[in-house]
Amino acid sequence: MPCFSDVNKIQEGIGEKFGQFISFMAQFVGGFVVGFIKGWELALVVMSVSPLLIVIAAILMYVSISWIQPDPT
């Protein structure tokens, strides 16, 4: 049945990535919790710089994807 094959394709595509996403988010939040407990000043500095790092990472991802994709011409 095509419906079941589509479900299997979705599970194969998302299954492992979703678990990794949950793990990475738990590490991120846990790192900030430990950072605020151990050294709240440094954690505040990291939080203030985080938006800039996110923007830079997004720009680098966009540029690298544009380099990888072939030209449509």
Protein backbone atom coordinates (compact mmCIF):
# COMPACT_ATOMS: atom_id res chain seq x y z
CA MET A 1 0.00 0.00 0.00
CA PRO A 2 1.39 3.43 -0.89
CA CYS A 3 0.19 4.97 2.36
CA PHE A 4 2.36 2.67 4.47
CA SER A 5 5.41 3.17 2.27
CA ASP A 6 5.04 6.94 2.65
CA VAL A 7 4.81 6.60 6.42
CA ASN A 8 7.95 4.47 6.43
CA LYS A 9 9.80 7.07 4.34
CA ILE A 10 8.77 9.82 6.76
CA GLN A 11 9.84 7.73 9.74
CA GLU A 12 13.21 7.00 8.14
CA GLY A 13 13.73 10.67 7.37
CA ILE A 14 12.68 12.10 10.73
CA GLY A 15 13.20 9.29 13.24
CA GLU A 16 16.86 9.71 14.16
CA LYS A 17 16.96 13.46 13.55
CA PHE A 18 14.14 14.13 16.00
CA GLY A 19 15.94 12.21 18.75
CA GLN A 20 19.13 14.13 18.07
CA PHE A 21 17.22 17.42 18.17
CA ILE A 22 15.76 16.58 21.58
CA SER A 23 19.19 15.55 22.85
CA PHE A 24 20.87 18.72 21.58
CA MET A 25 18.17 20.96 23.05
CA ALA A 26 18.50 19.22 26.43
CA GLN A 27 22.26 19.75 26.32
CA PHE A 28 21.77 23.41 25.40
CA VAL A 29 19.32 24.10 28.23
CA GLY A 30 21.33 22.02 30.68
CA GLY A 31 24.47 23.92 29.77
CA PHE A 32 22.82 27.24 30.50
CA VAL A 33 21.46 25.94 33.81
CA VAL A 34 24.91 24.76 34.88
CA GLY A 35 26.39 28.02 33.58
CA PHE A 36 24.00 30.13 35.66
CA ILE A 37 24.68 28.01 38.74
CA LYS A 38 28.47 28.03 38.41
CA GLY A 39 29.10 31.50 36.96
CA TRP A 40 26.08 33.65 36.25
CA GLU A 41 28.12 36.60 34.93
CA LEU A 42 29.70 34.56 32.15
CA ALA A 43 26.34 32.94 31.35
CA LEU A 44 24.82 36.41 30.90
CA VAL A 45 27.62 37.40 28.54
CA VAL A 46 27.11 34.22 26.50
CA MET A 47 23.36 34.85 26.36
CA SER A 48 23.91 38.40 25.13
CA VAL A 49 26.20 37.21 22.31
CA SER A 50 24.03 34.21 21.34
CA PRO A 51 21.71 36.11 18.92
CA LEU A 52 24.74 37.37 17.01
CA LEU A 53 26.15 33.85 16.80
CA ILE A 54 22.81 32.51 15.56
CA VAL A 55 22.64 35.15 12.82
CA ILE A 56 26.21 34.41 11.73
CA ALA A 57 25.50 30.66 11.66
CA ALA A 58 22.37 31.22 9.56
CA ILE A 59 24.29 33.36 7.07
CA LEU A 60 27.06 30.76 6.80
CA MET A 61 24.50 28.01 6.29
CA TYR A 62 22.77 30.00 3.53
CA VAL A 63 26.08 30.71 1.78
CA SER A 64 27.28 27.11 2.03
CA ILE A 65 23.97 25.79 0.66
CA SER A 66 24.17 28.21 -2.26
CA TRP A 67 27.69 26.95 -3.04
CA ILE A 68 26.66 23.31 -2.92
CA GLN A 69 23.59 23.59 -5.16
CA PRO A 70 24.38 23.60 -8.86
CA ASP A 71 23.38 26.51 -11.07
CA PRO A 72 20.06 25.96 -12.87
CA THR A 73 21.59 27.17 -16.16
